[in-house]
Amino acid sequence: MKILASFSGRFNKLFSGLNGSTSNLKVIFHDFPGGAEGFELIARYCYSLGKIKITASNIVLLSCAARFMEMGGDGHGNLNLIDQIEKSLEEISYWTWPELLVALKQCQVLLPTTDYLFVPEKVLSGLVERIALSFVASPYTSFSGYFNSTCQFSGDTERCDSLMNICRQRRWWFEDLMFLNVDFVDKVSKMMITQNFEHDLICKFLLHYRKSRFCSASQVEKCKMTEVVINLLSLLDRSTPSCKSLFNIFHVALSLKISRIYRKKLESLIGSQLDQATLDYLLVPSPCGKDYIYDVSLVLRLVKVFLFENRSWLFMSRLNKVAGLVDSYLAEVSPDSHLKPSKFVALLKVLPDFTRQSHDGLYHTMDMYLQVHAGLCEEEKLRVCSALKYEKLSADALKHLAQNSRFPSRLAVISFINQQSKLKCLHPRTHRIVSSSNSLDAKVYIAEKADAAKIIQYAKRNNITTTTEKFEAQFRGMQRKVMELEKICSIMQTEMGNMSQRRLPWVGNTRYLPGLCS
């Protein structure tokens, strides 16, 4: 006992107050690091008078046991055990890769029972440095983007195969670290980020780890693993993980019911690159207890994140992709009879107006929604239709809207008034028809003017009126100008029948043709 007490501060404290024989004394440590194996190493060190061979296979256990037994005091002329261990760790750069793995496995086993983080930190640091050294000799220190573009656009199969081999070589350490638990993966990944590892490589490691360990993990482990991976991915460049990978994690996270803070981080990652998503990704079932089919609130949050995250450098091409994605999603959810008008309107207005060149798609989506929700009151219908820009509707869409009984009646009048702007384009055509001899086509011209007359007649038949005198005056003016147009067309038909020369004899009178709209 005296020998043990001379090297161990803990034993010294236990035995210093004892008097007489200690032959029958029994000391039990229930939480001794490494159990019997750890105590045997300490006893061997003490009875060898402070001499022991420290290797990669026992350094972690020795360190934990030495700190537990408080063996940092006088070493009888030699360095005490803790000092010897720290000196040995200074030579960790000379350890082989297998020795590093052995030490790391011991760290993982012993760490839950101890609070001594010095050795694990040194081993992890040595491991990360060894991985970094393997990249120094490679000319492709950041070649993932180059690899993708080369293999997509180059026909050189051998070169692509060579790059794939390099890619596999850069991941040589992935499988060796699959034994790590989530806590150590977190530590290793953060060290790599600190030492400026390529983010694409770290991301691939995390996704590979999750794929390899997820199936065999318990429910609690799956939840913790998912949260750790999400947190680490959020520390990388936003464009590093693919949109597909993020949505895969998202679907798993929904079933695990992870913490709200990590779900928000994941939505932020997805939203920042929403332009890379497809419609299938967005068709996420609604939360439990909701009647509507798809989670519309999720899509609204993702779009808002996309606009916020990219507010300072948003390209129009990316914005157009998101606009097309949202329009496709609108078409998918519009037949949902349980989708509330407020949610539908929020989807319609979530993007700025300039992202859509035409509102024909929105009109058809609204038409489908109003058809399914036939019981909406006039006010709700107006709220739904408030996002529609009539100047962005085509002539066919405006004509269809004017005849659409599902839309509010006042909107039909507005669409009719907007039709006047479409008719303005017909006046230049009149001039072109009169002044052209080779491409003269009176039948097309008359047909176009007949369409204008039909719109007027439709308004008369359906008695579409308004209380304002302005609308009435414009309506009567349209009728009068269409009648004048019919007379001109009749004259044109007569003259064309008698045409015998290349140029029309009355071409000089084109200035007397009345304008369709003023």
Protein backbone atom coordinates (compact mmCIF):
# COMPACT_ATOMS: atom_id res chain seq x y z
CA MET A 1 0.00 0.00 0.00
CA LYS A 2 2.89 2.35 0.79
CA ILE A 3 4.27 1.95 -2.72
CA LEU A 4 0.88 2.79 -4.25
CA ALA A 5 0.45 5.73 -1.90
CA SER A 6 3.88 7.09 -2.84
CA PHE A 7 2.79 7.51 -6.46
CA SER A 8 -0.94 8.15 -6.06
CA GLY A 9 -2.34 11.22 -4.37
CA ARG A 10 -5.66 9.46 -3.91
CA PHE A 11 -4.15 6.50 -2.10
CA ASN A 12 -2.00 8.83 -0.05
CA LYS A 13 -5.09 10.68 1.20
CA LEU A 14 -6.83 7.39 2.05
CA PHE A 15 -3.93 5.88 3.98
CA SER A 16 -2.45 8.97 5.63
CA GLY A 17 -4.95 8.96 8.48
CA LEU A 18 -4.65 5.23 9.21
CA ASN A 19 -2.65 3.89 12.18
CA GLY A 20 -1.44 0.34 12.64
CA SER A 21 -1.71 -2.59 10.26
CA THR A 22 -3.56 -2.27 6.95
CA SER A 23 -3.30 -5.93 6.00
CA ASN A 24 -7.07 -6.45 6.22
CA LEU A 25 -7.93 -3.14 4.54
CA LYS A 26 -10.09 -3.36 1.42
CA VAL A 27 -10.52 -0.45 -1.00
CA ILE A 28 -13.23 -0.63 -3.67
CA PHE A 29 -13.47 1.81 -6.60
CA HIS A 30 -16.77 1.36 -8.42
CA ASP A 31 -15.97 3.83 -11.19
CA PHE A 32 -12.30 3.09 -11.85
CA PRO A 33 -11.51 3.92 -15.51
CA GLY A 34 -11.00 0.72 -17.48
CA GLY A 35 -11.88 -1.48 -14.51
CA ALA A 36 -9.37 -4.21 -13.59
CA GLU A 37 -7.27 -3.59 -16.70
CA GLY A 38 -6.80 0.07 -15.80
CA PHE A 39 -5.87 -0.71 -12.19
CA GLU A 40 -3.39 -3.34 -13.34
CA LEU A 41 -1.58 -0.77 -15.47
CA ILE A 42 -1.38 1.64 -12.52
CA ALA A 43 -0.11 -1.09 -10.17
CA ARG A 44 2.51 -2.19 -12.68
CA TYR A 45 3.72 1.39 -12.99
CA CYS A 46 3.95 1.83 -9.21
CA TYR A 47 5.73 -1.47 -8.48
CA SER A 48 8.15 -0.80 -11.37
CA LEU A 49 9.09 2.40 -9.53
CA GLY A 50 7.62 4.73 -12.12
CA LYS A 51 8.71 2.94 -15.27
CA ILE A 52 6.26 1.75 -17.93
CA LYS A 53 6.18 1.56 -21.69
CA ILE A 54 3.55 3.96 -23.00
CA THR A 55 2.09 3.03 -26.40
CA ALA A 56 -0.84 4.07 -28.56
CA SER A 57 -2.80 1.06 -27.29
CA ASN A 58 -2.53 1.96 -23.58
CA ILE A 59 -1.97 5.71 -23.47
CA VAL A 60 -5.65 6.63 -23.23
CA LEU A 61 -6.35 4.11 -20.45
CA LEU A 62 -3.22 5.11 -18.56
CA SER A 63 -4.14 8.78 -18.81
CA CYS A 64 -7.67 8.26 -17.48
CA ALA A 65 -6.47 5.99 -14.65
CA ALA A 66 -3.57 8.30 -13.72
CA ARG A 67 -5.83 11.34 -13.46
CA PHE A 68 -8.38 9.34 -11.47
CA MET A 69 -5.65 8.26 -9.01
CA GLU A 70 -4.12 11.77 -8.92
CA MET A 71 -0.69 10.63 -10.10
CA GLY A 72 0.69 14.02 -11.04
CA GLY A 73 2.95 14.45 -8.00
CA ASP A 74 6.57 13.57 -7.27
CA GLY A 75 7.82 10.73 -9.44
CA HIS A 76 10.79 9.79 -7.21
CA GLY A 77 13.30 11.55 -9.44
CA ASN A 78 11.49 10.56 -12.61
CA LEU A 79 8.67 12.30 -14.39
CA ASN A 80 5.33 11.45 -12.85
CA LEU A 81 2.92 9.35 -14.90
CA ILE A 82 0.79 12.26 -16.15
CA ASP A 83 3.89 14.14 -17.30
CA GLN A 84 5.17 11.04 -19.09
CA ILE A 85 1.85 10.64 -20.88
CA GLU A 86 1.82 14.27 -22.03
CA LYS A 87 5.38 13.93 -23.31
CA SER A 88 4.42 10.81 -25.26
CA LEU A 89 1.51 12.67 -26.84
CA GLU A 90 3.95 15.23 -28.24
CA GLU A 91 5.15 12.49 -30.60
CA ILE A 92 1.63 11.68 -31.86
CA SER A 93 2.55 12.94 -35.35
CA TYR A 94 4.77 9.86 -35.70
CA TRP A 95 1.98 7.43 -34.93
CA THR A 96 0.67 5.27 -37.73
CA TRP A 97 -2.93 5.53 -38.92
CA PRO A 98 -3.92 2.22 -37.22
CA GLU A 99 -2.38 3.42 -33.94
CA LEU A 100 -4.45 6.59 -34.13
CA LEU A 101 -7.61 4.55 -34.67
CA VAL A 102 -6.80 2.25 -31.73
CA ALA A 103 -6.31 5.25 -29.44
CA LEU A 104 -9.48 6.87 -30.74
CA LYS A 105 -11.51 3.72 -30.04
CA GLN A 106 -10.24 3.73 -26.46
CA CYS A 107 -11.16 7.40 -26.14
CA GLN A 108 -14.67 6.62 -27.27
CA VAL A 109 -15.04 3.76 -24.78
CA LEU A 110 -13.59 5.64 -21.80
CA LEU A 111 -14.87 9.14 -22.43
CA PRO A 112 -18.37 8.58 -21.00
CA THR A 113 -16.86 7.52 -17.67
CA THR A 114 -14.35 10.35 -17.37
CA ASP A 115 -14.09 14.09 -17.69
CA TYR A 116 -10.49 14.07 -18.87
CA LEU A 117 -10.61 15.53 -22.39
CA PHE A 118 -6.94 16.27 -22.90
CA VAL A 119 -5.97 12.95 -24.49
CA PRO A 120 -9.09 12.63 -26.72
CA GLU A 121 -8.53 16.14 -28.04
CA LYS A 122 -4.90 15.36 -28.85
CA VAL A 123 -5.81 12.09 -30.57
CA LEU A 124 -8.58 13.74 -32.61
CA SER A 125 -6.25 16.56 -33.57
CA GLY A 126 -3.61 14.06 -34.70
CA LEU A 127 -6.22 12.15 -36.69
CA VAL A 128 -7.45 15.25 -38.52
CA GLU A 129 -3.91 16.40 -39.26
CA ARG A 130 -3.11 12.97 -40.73
CA ILE A 131 -6.14 13.20 -43.04
CA ALA A 132 -5.11 16.71 -44.09
CA LEU A 133 -1.58 15.55 -44.90
CA SER A 134 -2.98 12.98 -47.32
CA PHE A 135 -4.38 15.82 -49.46
CA VAL A 136 -1.14 17.77 -49.70
CA ALA A 137 0.30 15.52 -52.38
CA SER A 138 -2.91 15.67 -54.43
CA PRO A 139 -3.17 18.45 -57.05
CA TYR A 140 -6.97 18.32 -56.72
CA THR A 141 -7.35 19.96 -53.31
CA SER A 142 -10.66 21.46 -54.37
CA PHE A 143 -11.76 19.61 -57.44
CA SER A 144 -15.33 18.50 -56.81
CA GLY A 145 -16.86 21.23 -59.00
CA TYR A 146 -14.21 20.62 -61.66
CA PHE A 147 -14.95 16.91 -61.53
CA ASN A 148 -18.68 17.42 -62.03
CA SER A 149 -18.32 19.81 -64.95
CA THR A 150 -15.64 17.72 -66.65
CA CYS A 151 -17.59 14.48 -66.48
CA GLN A 152 -20.78 16.14 -67.67
CA PHE A 153 -19.42 18.00 -70.65
CA SER A 154 -16.39 15.99 -71.66
CA GLY A 155 -16.42 12.88 -73.79
CA ASP A 156 -13.08 11.71 -72.38
CA THR A 157 -14.13 8.57 -70.49
CA GLU A 158 -10.63 7.75 -69.30
CA ARG A 159 -10.20 11.22 -67.82
CA CYS A 160 -13.52 10.98 -66.00
CA ASP A 161 -12.58 7.55 -64.66
CA SER A 162 -9.29 8.98 -63.45
CA LEU A 163 -11.08 11.81 -61.64
CA MET A 164 -13.48 9.32 -60.07
CA ASN A 165 -10.53 7.35 -58.76
CA ILE A 166 -9.09 10.52 -57.24
CA CYS A 167 -12.46 11.22 -55.66
CA ARG A 168 -12.50 7.76 -54.12
CA GLN A 169 -8.94 8.22 -52.90
CA ARG A 170 -9.92 11.42 -51.11
CA ARG A 171 -12.56 9.44 -49.21
CA TRP A 172 -10.18 6.67 -48.14
CA TRP A 173 -10.75 7.48 -44.46
CA PHE A 174 -14.56 7.42 -44.53
CA GLU A 175 -15.03 3.73 -43.71
CA ASP A 176 -12.29 3.76 -41.05
CA LEU A 177 -14.26 6.31 -39.02
CA MET A 178 -17.66 4.62 -39.20
CA PHE A 179 -17.12 3.19 -35.68
CA LEU A 180 -17.30 6.70 -34.19
CA ASN A 181 -20.32 7.67 -32.14
CA VAL A 182 -22.23 10.89 -32.86
CA ASP A 183 -20.31 12.94 -30.28
CA PHE A 184 -16.96 12.12 -31.83
CA VAL A 185 -18.27 12.72 -35.36
CA ASP A 186 -19.34 16.15 -34.16
CA LYS A 187 -15.86 16.83 -32.74
CA VAL A 188 -14.01 15.54 -35.82
CA SER A 189 -16.20 17.52 -38.23
CA LYS A 190 -15.81 20.76 -36.29
CA MET A 191 -12.03 20.29 -36.23
CA MET A 192 -12.07 19.82 -40.00
CA ILE A 193 -14.08 23.00 -40.45
CA THR A 194 -11.65 24.88 -38.21
CA GLN A 195 -8.71 23.60 -40.27
CA ASN A 196 -10.37 24.71 -43.53
CA PHE A 197 -11.15 21.31 -44.97
CA GLU A 198 -13.10 21.40 -48.21
CA HIS A 199 -16.76 21.69 -47.23
CA ASP A 200 -17.88 19.36 -49.96
CA LEU A 201 -15.71 16.59 -48.49
CA ILE A 202 -17.03 17.15 -44.96
CA CYS A 203 -20.59 17.09 -46.28
CA LYS A 204 -20.02 13.80 -48.10
CA PHE A 205 -18.53 12.29 -44.94
CA LEU A 206 -21.52 13.32 -42.85
CA LEU A 207 -24.03 11.96 -45.38
CA HIS A 208 -22.05 8.74 -45.70
CA TYR A 209 -21.91 8.36 -41.91
CA ARG A 210 -25.65 8.93 -41.57
CA LYS A 211 -26.43 6.44 -44.34
CA SER A 212 -24.14 3.78 -42.87
CA ARG A 213 -25.19 4.06 -39.22
CA PHE A 214 -28.82 5.10 -39.39
CA CYS A 215 -30.55 1.76 -39.96
CA SER A 216 -28.89 0.00 -37.03
CA ALA A 217 -29.39 2.88 -34.59
CA SER A 218 -32.11 3.10 -31.95
CA GLN A 219 -34.85 5.72 -32.15
CA VAL A 220 -33.06 7.97 -29.67
CA GLU A 221 -29.76 7.57 -31.54
CA LYS A 222 -31.45 8.33 -34.86
CA CYS A 223 -32.88 11.52 -33.47
CA LYS A 224 -29.55 12.67 -32.04
CA MET A 225 -27.68 11.67 -35.20
CA THR A 226 -30.09 13.67 -37.37
CA GLU A 227 -29.82 16.75 -35.17
CA VAL A 228 -26.00 16.61 -35.12
CA VAL A 229 -25.81 16.19 -38.92
CA ILE A 230 -28.23 19.09 -39.48
CA ASN A 231 -26.24 21.33 -37.14
CA LEU A 232 -22.95 20.47 -38.86
CA LEU A 233 -24.40 21.00 -42.34
CA SER A 234 -25.58 24.42 -41.25
CA LEU A 235 -21.94 25.34 -40.53
CA LEU A 236 -20.93 24.62 -44.12
CA ASP A 237 -21.45 26.71 -47.24
CA ARG A 238 -25.14 26.88 -48.13
CA SER A 239 -24.63 25.35 -51.56
CA THR A 240 -22.62 22.36 -50.31
CA PRO A 241 -25.34 19.77 -49.55
CA SER A 242 -27.61 18.92 -52.47
CA CYS A 243 -31.28 19.80 -52.32
CA LYS A 244 -32.17 16.12 -52.70
CA SER A 245 -30.03 15.14 -49.69
CA LEU A 246 -31.58 17.86 -47.57
CA PHE A 247 -35.12 16.79 -48.42
CA ASN A 248 -34.22 13.17 -47.62
CA ILE A 249 -33.07 14.29 -44.19
CA PHE A 250 -36.18 16.43 -43.85
CA HIS A 251 -38.57 13.51 -44.45
CA VAL A 252 -36.70 11.46 -41.86
CA ALA A 253 -36.73 14.38 -39.42
CA LEU A 254 -40.52 14.63 -39.71
CA SER A 255 -40.95 11.03 -38.58
CA LEU A 256 -38.46 11.48 -35.72
CA LYS A 257 -40.00 14.70 -34.44
CA ILE A 258 -36.68 16.42 -33.90
CA SER A 259 -36.33 19.66 -31.99
CA ARG A 260 -37.89 22.76 -33.56
CA ILE A 261 -34.54 24.59 -33.63
CA TYR A 262 -32.97 21.90 -35.84
CA ARG A 263 -36.02 21.71 -38.09
CA LYS A 264 -35.73 25.47 -38.58
CA LYS A 265 -32.04 25.12 -39.47
CA LEU A 266 -32.88 22.44 -42.00
CA GLU A 267 -35.61 24.57 -43.57
CA SER A 268 -33.11 27.41 -43.83
CA LEU A 269 -30.69 25.14 -45.71
CA ILE A 270 -33.41 23.92 -48.07
CA GLY A 271 -34.89 27.36 -48.65
CA SER A 272 -31.55 28.89 -49.59
CA GLN A 273 -31.36 26.63 -52.66
CA LEU A 274 -35.06 26.19 -53.39
CA ASP A 275 -34.41 26.84 -57.08
CA GLN A 276 -32.77 23.39 -57.23
CA ALA A 277 -35.89 21.61 -55.92
CA THR A 278 -38.56 19.83 -57.95
CA LEU A 279 -42.30 19.64 -57.38
CA ASP A 280 -42.03 16.15 -55.87
CA TYR A 281 -39.82 17.50 -53.10
CA LEU A 282 -42.46 20.04 -52.06
CA LEU A 283 -45.37 17.62 -51.88
CA VAL A 284 -44.92 17.04 -48.16
CA PRO A 285 -48.02 15.70 -46.39
CA SER A 286 -49.72 18.12 -44.02
CA PRO A 287 -49.02 17.84 -40.28
CA CYS A 288 -51.09 15.49 -38.19
CA GLY A 289 -54.48 16.97 -37.37
CA LYS A 290 -54.72 19.15 -40.50
CA ASP A 291 -57.37 18.48 -43.12
CA TYR A 292 -55.58 19.82 -46.18
CA ILE A 293 -53.46 17.40 -48.21
CA TYR A 294 -50.06 19.08 -48.42
CA ASP A 295 -48.09 21.22 -45.99
CA VAL A 296 -48.64 24.64 -47.61
CA SER A 297 -47.16 26.47 -44.63
CA LEU A 298 -43.84 24.69 -45.20
CA VAL A 299 -43.66 25.88 -48.81
CA LEU A 300 -44.47 29.44 -47.74
CA ARG A 301 -41.62 29.33 -45.20
CA LEU A 302 -39.18 27.90 -47.75
CA VAL A 303 -39.98 30.60 -50.33
CA LYS A 304 -39.56 33.35 -47.73
CA VAL A 305 -36.20 31.86 -46.70
CA PHE A 306 -35.11 31.77 -50.35
CA LEU A 307 -35.98 35.44 -50.84
CA PHE A 308 -34.30 36.46 -47.57
CA GLU A 309 -31.13 34.36 -47.89
CA ASN A 310 -30.49 35.50 -51.47
CA ARG A 311 -31.71 39.08 -51.13
CA SER A 312 -28.32 40.66 -51.88
CA TRP A 313 -27.32 38.60 -54.93
CA LEU A 314 -30.47 37.01 -56.31
CA PHE A 315 -30.27 36.25 -60.02
CA MET A 316 -33.42 36.54 -62.12
CA SER A 317 -32.87 33.06 -63.54
CA ARG A 318 -33.00 31.54 -60.04
CA LEU A 319 -36.07 33.58 -59.16
CA ASN A 320 -37.83 32.46 -62.33
CA LYS A 321 -37.17 28.82 -61.41
CA VAL A 322 -38.76 29.31 -58.00
CA ALA A 323 -41.70 31.13 -59.58
CA GLY A 324 -42.27 28.19 -61.94
CA LEU A 325 -41.98 25.79 -59.00
CA VAL A 326 -44.53 27.74 -56.96
CA ASP A 327 -46.93 27.90 -59.93
CA SER A 328 -46.68 24.12 -60.35
CA TYR A 329 -47.32 23.69 -56.64
CA LEU A 330 -50.34 26.00 -56.86
CA ALA A 331 -51.77 23.89 -59.66
CA GLU A 332 -51.25 20.80 -57.51
CA VAL A 333 -52.94 22.13 -54.36
CA SER A 334 -55.75 24.17 -55.95
CA PRO A 335 -58.14 21.16 -56.21
CA ASP A 336 -57.79 20.54 -52.45
CA SER A 337 -61.25 21.18 -51.03
CA HIS A 338 -59.84 21.67 -47.50
CA LEU A 339 -57.31 24.36 -48.44
CA LYS A 340 -58.38 27.62 -46.84
CA PRO A 341 -58.59 30.80 -48.96
CA SER A 342 -56.07 32.55 -46.70
CA LYS A 343 -53.43 29.88 -47.39
CA PHE A 344 -54.18 29.88 -51.11
CA VAL A 345 -53.93 33.68 -51.32
CA ALA A 346 -50.64 33.59 -49.35
CA LEU A 347 -49.24 31.19 -51.94
CA LEU A 348 -50.42 33.43 -54.78
CA LYS A 349 -48.72 36.49 -53.29
CA VAL A 350 -45.59 34.97 -51.76
CA LEU A 351 -43.43 36.00 -54.73
CA PRO A 352 -42.96 39.54 -56.11
CA ASP A 353 -45.17 40.39 -59.08
CA PHE A 354 -42.24 40.89 -61.47
CA THR A 355 -41.33 37.20 -61.30
CA ARG A 356 -44.21 36.30 -63.64
CA GLN A 357 -44.37 37.62 -67.20
CA SER A 358 -47.84 36.15 -67.71
CA HIS A 359 -50.69 35.51 -65.29
CA ASP A 360 -52.51 33.01 -67.47
CA GLY A 361 -51.29 30.15 -65.28
CA LEU A 362 -52.46 31.92 -62.12
CA TYR A 363 -55.85 32.55 -63.70
CA HIS A 364 -56.36 28.87 -64.52
CA THR A 365 -55.23 27.93 -60.99
CA MET A 366 -57.70 30.38 -59.48
CA ASP A 367 -60.42 29.06 -61.76
CA MET A 368 -59.78 25.52 -60.51
CA TYR A 369 -59.79 26.68 -56.88
CA LEU A 370 -63.07 28.59 -57.30
CA GLN A 371 -64.60 25.63 -59.07
CA VAL A 372 -63.76 23.34 -56.13
CA HIS A 373 -64.73 25.99 -53.55
CA ALA A 374 -68.03 27.00 -55.12
CA GLY A 375 -69.47 28.03 -51.75
CA LEU A 376 -67.13 30.98 -51.20
CA CYS A 377 -68.79 34.32 -50.60
CA GLU A 378 -68.18 37.30 -52.88
CA GLU A 379 -65.65 38.84 -50.50
CA GLU A 380 -63.57 35.65 -50.34
CA LYS A 381 -63.63 35.33 -54.12
CA LEU A 382 -62.39 38.90 -54.47
CA ARG A 383 -59.60 38.17 -52.00
CA VAL A 384 -58.56 35.12 -54.02
CA CYS A 385 -58.61 37.08 -57.27
CA SER A 386 -56.80 40.10 -55.87
CA ALA A 387 -53.44 38.69 -56.91
CA LEU A 388 -54.44 38.59 -60.57
CA LYS A 389 -52.89 41.25 -62.80
CA TYR A 390 -55.23 41.71 -65.76
CA GLU A 391 -52.65 43.51 -67.86
CA LYS A 392 -50.60 40.29 -67.74
CA LEU A 393 -53.41 38.13 -69.11
CA SER A 394 -53.51 37.14 -72.75
CA ALA A 395 -56.46 38.06 -74.95
CA ASP A 396 -57.77 34.49 -74.76
CA ALA A 397 -57.54 34.46 -70.98
CA LEU A 398 -59.33 37.82 -70.74
CA LYS A 399 -62.06 36.59 -73.05
CA HIS A 400 -62.47 33.43 -70.97
CA LEU A 401 -62.55 35.48 -67.77
CA ALA A 402 -65.31 37.71 -69.15
CA GLN A 403 -67.49 34.63 -69.64
CA ASN A 404 -66.50 32.91 -66.39
CA SER A 405 -69.43 32.90 -63.97
CA ARG A 406 -67.24 31.58 -61.14
CA PHE A 407 -65.34 34.86 -60.89
CA PRO A 408 -66.95 37.91 -59.24
CA SER A 409 -69.13 39.92 -61.62
CA ARG A 410 -67.17 43.13 -61.18
CA LEU A 411 -64.05 41.32 -62.31
CA ALA A 412 -65.79 40.41 -65.55
CA VAL A 413 -66.37 44.10 -66.20
CA ILE A 414 -62.74 44.92 -65.37
CA SER A 415 -61.59 42.23 -67.78
CA PHE A 416 -63.81 43.75 -70.44
CA ILE A 417 -62.31 47.19 -69.88
CA ASN A 418 -58.83 45.68 -70.03
CA GLN A 419 -59.76 44.10 -73.37
CA GLN A 420 -59.63 47.60 -74.86
CA SER A 421 -55.88 47.64 -74.44
CA LYS A 422 -55.72 44.38 -76.39
CA LEU A 423 -57.77 45.89 -79.21
CA LYS A 424 -55.28 48.75 -79.59
CA CYS A 425 -52.89 46.39 -81.30
CA LEU A 426 -55.44 45.88 -84.09
CA HIS A 427 -55.13 49.45 -85.39
CA PRO A 428 -51.52 49.06 -86.59
CA ARG A 429 -52.59 45.86 -88.32
CA THR A 430 -55.21 47.83 -90.26
CA HIS A 431 -52.50 50.08 -91.60
CA ARG A 432 -50.28 47.15 -92.52
CA ILE A 433 -53.07 45.39 -94.37
CA VAL A 434 -53.96 48.46 -96.42
CA SER A 435 -50.36 49.33 -97.28
CA SER A 436 -49.21 45.84 -98.16
CA SER A 437 -49.91 44.20 -101.51
CA ASN A 438 -48.10 40.86 -101.28
CA SER A 439 -49.30 39.79 -97.79
CA LEU A 440 -52.83 41.15 -97.96
CA ASP A 441 -55.28 38.81 -96.27
CA ALA A 442 -58.66 40.40 -95.77
CA LYS A 443 -60.22 37.23 -94.31
CA VAL A 444 -57.79 37.21 -91.36
CA TYR A 445 -58.32 40.89 -90.85
CA ILE A 446 -62.10 40.58 -90.85
CA ALA A 447 -61.92 37.60 -88.45
CA GLU A 448 -59.86 39.59 -85.96
CA LYS A 449 -62.33 42.47 -86.10
CA ALA A 450 -65.22 40.06 -85.70
CA ASP A 451 -63.66 38.86 -82.41
CA ALA A 452 -63.74 42.43 -81.16
CA ALA A 453 -67.38 42.75 -82.15
CA LYS A 454 -68.23 39.49 -80.33
CA ILE A 455 -66.75 40.81 -77.12
CA ILE A 456 -68.94 43.88 -77.37
CA GLN A 457 -72.01 41.76 -78.16
CA TYR A 458 -71.26 39.45 -75.22
CA ALA A 459 -71.19 42.41 -72.88
CA LYS A 460 -74.54 43.58 -74.26
CA ARG A 461 -76.17 40.14 -74.01
CA ASN A 462 -75.08 39.61 -70.43
CA ASN A 463 -75.99 43.15 -69.42
CA ILE A 464 -72.59 43.77 -67.83
CA THR A 465 -72.96 47.31 -66.49
CA THR A 466 -71.42 49.56 -63.92
CA THR A 467 -72.69 52.48 -61.95
CA THR A 468 -69.99 54.83 -63.19
CA GLU A 469 -70.62 57.00 -66.23
CA LYS A 470 -67.03 56.48 -67.31
CA PHE A 471 -67.57 52.78 -67.98
CA GLU A 472 -70.82 53.50 -69.83
CA ALA A 473 -69.17 56.12 -72.04
CA GLN A 474 -66.30 53.75 -72.90
CA PHE A 475 -68.79 51.00 -73.70
CA ARG A 476 -70.78 53.20 -76.10
CA GLY A 477 -67.54 54.43 -77.67
CA MET A 478 -66.43 50.87 -78.32
CA GLN A 479 -69.75 50.09 -80.01
CA ARG A 480 -69.50 53.14 -82.25
CA LYS A 481 -65.92 52.39 -83.29
CA VAL A 482 -66.67 48.76 -84.03
CA MET A 483 -69.51 49.87 -86.34
CA GLU A 484 -67.09 52.17 -88.14
CA LEU A 485 -64.66 49.29 -88.39
CA GLU A 486 -67.32 47.09 -90.02
CA LYS A 487 -67.95 49.76 -92.64
CA ILE A 488 -64.24 49.97 -93.42
CA CYS A 489 -64.03 46.21 -93.74
CA SER A 490 -67.01 46.21 -96.14
CA ILE A 491 -65.27 48.83 -98.30
CA MET A 492 -62.06 46.77 -98.24
CA GLN A 493 -63.88 43.65 -99.41
CA THR A 494 -65.44 45.54 -102.34
CA GLU A 495 -62.17 47.14 -103.36
CA MET A 496 -60.24 43.85 -103.11
CA GLY A 497 -62.70 42.17 -105.41
CA ASN A 498 -61.97 44.78 -108.09
CA MET A 499 -58.23 44.86 -107.51
CA SER A 500 -56.36 44.45 -110.80
CA GLN A 501 -53.06 46.10 -110.05
CA ARG A 502 -50.27 45.31 -107.60
CA ARG A 503 -50.87 48.41 -105.42
CA LEU A 504 -54.32 49.40 -104.19
CA PRO A 505 -55.64 52.63 -105.75
CA TRP A 506 -57.01 53.93 -102.43
CA VAL A 507 -53.85 53.42 -100.44
CA GLY A 508 -53.37 57.15 -100.06
CA ASN A 509 -56.56 57.45 -98.05
CA THR A 510 -55.33 55.24 -95.20
CA ARG A 511 -54.97 58.27 -92.99
CA TYR A 512 -58.76 58.51 -92.77
CA LEU A 513 -59.12 55.13 -91.06
CA PRO A 514 -60.48 55.70 -87.56
CA GLY A 515 -58.51 54.49 -84.51
CA LEU A 516 -60.10 51.60 -82.64
CA CYS A 517 -59.47 53.10 -79.24
CA SER A 518 -58.55 56.59 -78.21
